[in-house]
Amino acid sequence: MTPDQKARALPVIDPGRCTGCGWCVAVCAPHVLSLHARGGRKTSALHDAAGCTGCALCALRCPFGAIAMVRRQPPQVLQFC
C-alpha cells in the first residue's frame, strides 16, 4: 500500500471485550493483527497500522463486538505567515 492509499479507518480493539479468540487475526488478509499475551490473557492488537487496508473484515467477524473502525485523522498542516 502506498502512502496515497492509506486506509481511511483503522481498527481499534477494546481489550475489555476482546477474548483473544483469534477470529479477527484469521480474516486479516494483510496480516496486520496479531494476538498478544497481556496480564495472563490473550488479546488482539494492531501491530502494523501502515499496512492496514481498512477493509473492516476484522470488525465484522468479531463475535464480541470488540473492534470498532475509527476514522483516521488527516494530517494537520501548519501554515506560518
N, C-alpha and C. Protein backbone atom coordinates (compact mmCIF):
# COMPACT_ATOMS: atom_id res chain seq x y z
N MET A 1 0.86 -1.17 0.00
CA MET A 1 0.00 0.00 0.00
C MET A 1 0.90 1.23 0.00
N THR A 2 0.65 2.15 -0.91
CA THR A 2 1.44 3.36 -0.98
C THR A 2 0.90 4.39 0.01
N PRO A 3 1.69 5.42 0.32
CA PRO A 3 1.19 6.45 1.25
C PRO A 3 -0.10 7.11 0.80
N ASP A 4 -0.33 7.18 -0.53
CA ASP A 4 -1.56 7.80 -1.03
C ASP A 4 -2.77 6.88 -0.87
N GLN A 5 -2.55 5.60 -0.58
CA GLN A 5 -3.63 4.64 -0.46
C GLN A 5 -3.88 4.23 0.98
N LYS A 6 -3.55 5.05 1.94
CA LYS A 6 -3.75 4.70 3.35
C LYS A 6 -5.22 4.46 3.64
N ALA A 7 -5.44 3.54 4.56
CA ALA A 7 -6.81 3.23 4.98
C ALA A 7 -7.46 4.47 5.58
N ARG A 8 -8.73 4.64 5.31
CA ARG A 8 -9.45 5.79 5.87
C ARG A 8 -9.84 5.55 7.31
N ALA A 9 -9.91 4.29 7.70
CA ALA A 9 -10.25 3.94 9.08
C ALA A 9 -9.37 2.79 9.53
N LEU A 10 -9.10 2.76 10.82
CA LEU A 10 -8.27 1.71 11.40
C LEU A 10 -9.04 1.00 12.51
N PRO A 11 -8.76 -0.28 12.73
CA PRO A 11 -9.44 -1.00 13.81
C PRO A 11 -8.89 -0.59 15.18
N VAL A 12 -9.80 -0.35 16.10
CA VAL A 12 -9.43 -0.10 17.49
C VAL A 12 -10.06 -1.21 18.31
N ILE A 13 -9.23 -1.91 19.06
CA ILE A 13 -9.68 -3.09 19.80
C ILE A 13 -9.90 -2.74 21.26
N ASP A 14 -11.09 -3.06 21.76
CA ASP A 14 -11.44 -2.85 23.16
C ASP A 14 -10.93 -4.06 23.95
N PRO A 15 -9.86 -3.89 24.75
CA PRO A 15 -9.31 -5.04 25.48
C PRO A 15 -10.27 -5.61 26.52
N GLY A 16 -11.24 -4.83 26.94
CA GLY A 16 -12.24 -5.32 27.89
C GLY A 16 -13.24 -6.28 27.27
N ARG A 17 -13.42 -6.18 25.96
CA ARG A 17 -14.36 -7.06 25.26
C ARG A 17 -13.68 -8.18 24.49
N CYS A 18 -12.40 -7.97 24.15
CA CYS A 18 -11.66 -8.96 23.37
C CYS A 18 -11.38 -10.19 24.23
N THR A 19 -11.69 -11.37 23.68
CA THR A 19 -11.45 -12.62 24.41
C THR A 19 -10.21 -13.35 23.90
N GLY A 20 -9.58 -12.82 22.86
CA GLY A 20 -8.41 -13.48 22.30
C GLY A 20 -8.74 -14.70 21.47
N CYS A 21 -9.96 -14.74 20.92
CA CYS A 21 -10.39 -15.92 20.16
C CYS A 21 -9.62 -16.07 18.84
N GLY A 22 -9.13 -14.97 18.29
CA GLY A 22 -8.32 -15.02 17.08
C GLY A 22 -9.07 -14.96 15.76
N TRP A 23 -10.38 -14.80 15.79
CA TRP A 23 -11.14 -14.73 14.53
C TRP A 23 -10.71 -13.53 13.69
N CYS A 24 -10.46 -12.40 14.33
CA CYS A 24 -10.04 -11.21 13.59
C CYS A 24 -8.68 -11.43 12.92
N VAL A 25 -7.78 -12.08 13.63
CA VAL A 25 -6.45 -12.38 13.09
C VAL A 25 -6.58 -13.30 11.87
N ALA A 26 -7.47 -14.27 11.95
CA ALA A 26 -7.66 -15.24 10.87
C ALA A 26 -8.19 -14.60 9.59
N VAL A 27 -9.03 -13.58 9.68
CA VAL A 27 -9.61 -12.97 8.48
C VAL A 27 -8.81 -11.79 7.95
N CYS A 28 -7.78 -11.39 8.65
CA CYS A 28 -6.99 -10.22 8.26
C CYS A 28 -6.04 -10.58 7.12
N ALA A 29 -6.42 -10.22 5.89
CA ALA A 29 -5.63 -10.56 4.70
C ALA A 29 -4.22 -9.94 4.72
N PRO A 30 -4.07 -8.68 5.12
CA PRO A 30 -2.71 -8.12 5.14
C PRO A 30 -1.89 -8.52 6.38
N HIS A 31 -2.48 -9.32 7.27
CA HIS A 31 -1.79 -9.83 8.46
C HIS A 31 -1.23 -8.71 9.34
N VAL A 32 -2.06 -7.72 9.63
CA VAL A 32 -1.62 -6.61 10.49
C VAL A 32 -2.14 -6.73 11.92
N LEU A 33 -2.94 -7.77 12.18
CA LEU A 33 -3.43 -8.04 13.53
C LEU A 33 -2.73 -9.28 14.06
N SER A 34 -2.52 -9.31 15.36
CA SER A 34 -1.92 -10.49 15.98
C SER A 34 -2.43 -10.60 17.41
N LEU A 35 -2.20 -11.77 18.01
CA LEU A 35 -2.59 -11.99 19.40
C LEU A 35 -1.39 -11.74 20.30
N HIS A 36 -1.63 -11.04 21.39
CA HIS A 36 -0.58 -10.74 22.36
C HIS A 36 -1.05 -11.13 23.75
N ALA A 37 -0.14 -11.67 24.55
CA ALA A 37 -0.47 -12.00 25.94
C ALA A 37 -0.27 -10.75 26.79
N ARG A 38 -1.33 -10.38 27.50
CA ARG A 38 -1.27 -9.20 28.39
C ARG A 38 -1.93 -9.57 29.70
N GLY A 39 -1.18 -9.49 30.76
CA GLY A 39 -1.75 -9.76 32.07
C GLY A 39 -2.31 -11.16 32.21
N GLY A 40 -1.68 -12.14 31.59
CA GLY A 40 -2.14 -13.51 31.71
C GLY A 40 -3.25 -13.92 30.76
N ARG A 41 -3.65 -13.03 29.85
CA ARG A 41 -4.68 -13.39 28.87
C ARG A 41 -4.30 -12.85 27.50
N LYS A 42 -4.85 -13.45 26.47
CA LYS A 42 -4.56 -13.03 25.11
C LYS A 42 -5.57 -11.99 24.65
N THR A 43 -5.09 -11.01 23.90
CA THR A 43 -5.96 -10.03 23.24
C THR A 43 -5.39 -9.75 21.86
N SER A 44 -6.22 -9.28 20.98
CA SER A 44 -5.77 -8.90 19.64
C SER A 44 -5.14 -7.52 19.70
N ALA A 45 -4.22 -7.29 18.77
CA ALA A 45 -3.56 -5.98 18.70
C ALA A 45 -3.23 -5.67 17.24
N LEU A 46 -3.35 -4.40 16.89
CA LEU A 46 -2.95 -3.92 15.57
C LEU A 46 -1.46 -3.63 15.65
N HIS A 47 -0.64 -4.39 14.93
CA HIS A 47 0.81 -4.20 15.03
C HIS A 47 1.41 -3.50 13.82
N ASP A 48 0.61 -3.24 12.79
CA ASP A 48 1.13 -2.57 11.59
C ASP A 48 0.03 -1.69 10.98
N ALA A 49 -0.18 -0.53 11.57
CA ALA A 49 -1.24 0.37 11.09
C ALA A 49 -1.01 0.80 9.64
N ALA A 50 0.23 0.96 9.24
CA ALA A 50 0.53 1.39 7.87
C ALA A 50 0.11 0.34 6.85
N GLY A 51 0.10 -0.93 7.24
CA GLY A 51 -0.27 -1.99 6.32
C GLY A 51 -1.76 -2.29 6.27
N CYS A 52 -2.53 -1.68 7.16
CA CYS A 52 -3.97 -1.93 7.23
C CYS A 52 -4.67 -1.31 6.02
N THR A 53 -5.56 -2.08 5.40
CA THR A 53 -6.31 -1.58 4.23
C THR A 53 -7.63 -0.93 4.62
N GLY A 54 -8.04 -1.08 5.87
CA GLY A 54 -9.31 -0.50 6.32
C GLY A 54 -10.52 -1.27 5.83
N CYS A 55 -10.36 -2.53 5.47
CA CYS A 55 -11.47 -3.31 4.91
C CYS A 55 -12.57 -3.63 5.93
N ALA A 56 -12.26 -3.59 7.21
CA ALA A 56 -13.20 -3.82 8.31
C ALA A 56 -13.65 -5.27 8.46
N LEU A 57 -13.01 -6.21 7.79
CA LEU A 57 -13.38 -7.61 7.96
C LEU A 57 -13.18 -8.06 9.40
N CYS A 58 -12.15 -7.54 10.05
CA CYS A 58 -11.90 -7.91 11.45
C CYS A 58 -13.07 -7.50 12.33
N ALA A 59 -13.55 -6.28 12.15
CA ALA A 59 -14.67 -5.78 12.96
C ALA A 59 -15.95 -6.56 12.66
N LEU A 60 -16.17 -6.89 11.40
CA LEU A 60 -17.36 -7.65 11.02
C LEU A 60 -17.32 -9.07 11.57
N ARG A 61 -16.15 -9.66 11.64
CA ARG A 61 -16.02 -11.06 12.08
C ARG A 61 -16.01 -11.21 13.60
N CYS A 62 -15.64 -10.19 14.33
CA CYS A 62 -15.53 -10.30 15.79
C CYS A 62 -16.89 -10.62 16.41
N PRO A 63 -17.02 -11.79 17.06
CA PRO A 63 -18.31 -12.17 17.63
C PRO A 63 -18.64 -11.43 18.93
N PHE A 64 -17.69 -10.66 19.44
CA PHE A 64 -17.90 -9.98 20.72
C PHE A 64 -18.01 -8.47 20.59
N GLY A 65 -17.98 -7.95 19.36
CA GLY A 65 -18.08 -6.51 19.15
C GLY A 65 -16.93 -5.74 19.77
N ALA A 66 -15.75 -6.36 19.78
CA ALA A 66 -14.60 -5.73 20.43
C ALA A 66 -13.81 -4.81 19.51
N ILE A 67 -14.17 -4.79 18.23
CA ILE A 67 -13.40 -3.99 17.27
C ILE A 67 -14.29 -2.93 16.64
N ALA A 68 -13.84 -1.70 16.72
CA ALA A 68 -14.53 -0.58 16.07
C ALA A 68 -13.59 0.03 15.05
N MET A 69 -14.12 0.38 13.90
CA MET A 69 -13.32 1.07 12.90
C MET A 69 -13.41 2.56 13.18
N VAL A 70 -12.26 3.19 13.36
CA VAL A 70 -12.20 4.61 13.71
C VAL A 70 -11.53 5.36 12.57
N ARG A 71 -12.18 6.42 12.16
CA ARG A 71 -11.68 7.21 11.03
C ARG A 71 -10.29 7.77 11.36
N ARG A 72 -9.41 7.59 10.42
CA ARG A 72 -8.04 8.12 10.55
C ARG A 72 -8.11 9.64 10.43
N GLN A 73 -7.42 10.32 11.30
CA GLN A 73 -7.39 11.78 11.28
C GLN A 73 -6.43 12.25 10.19
N PRO A 74 -6.86 13.20 9.36
CA PRO A 74 -5.95 13.72 8.34
C PRO A 74 -4.80 14.48 9.01
N PRO A 75 -3.63 14.45 8.40
CA PRO A 75 -2.52 15.19 9.00
C PRO A 75 -2.81 16.68 9.02
N GLN A 76 -2.42 17.32 10.09
CA GLN A 76 -2.64 18.76 10.21
C GLN A 76 -1.48 19.49 9.55
N VAL A 77 -1.83 20.46 8.74
CA VAL A 77 -0.82 21.26 8.06
C VAL A 77 -0.75 22.60 8.76
N LEU A 78 0.43 22.92 9.23
CA LEU A 78 0.63 24.21 9.89
C LEU A 78 1.16 25.20 8.87
N GLN A 79 0.52 26.35 8.83
CA GLN A 79 0.97 27.38 7.90
C GLN A 79 1.44 28.58 8.71
N PHE A 80 2.58 29.08 8.33
CA PHE A 80 3.15 30.24 9.01
C PHE A 80 3.12 31.42 8.06
N CYS A 81 2.90 32.59 8.61
CA CYS A 81 2.87 33.82 7.79
C CYS A 81 4.26 34.27 7.45
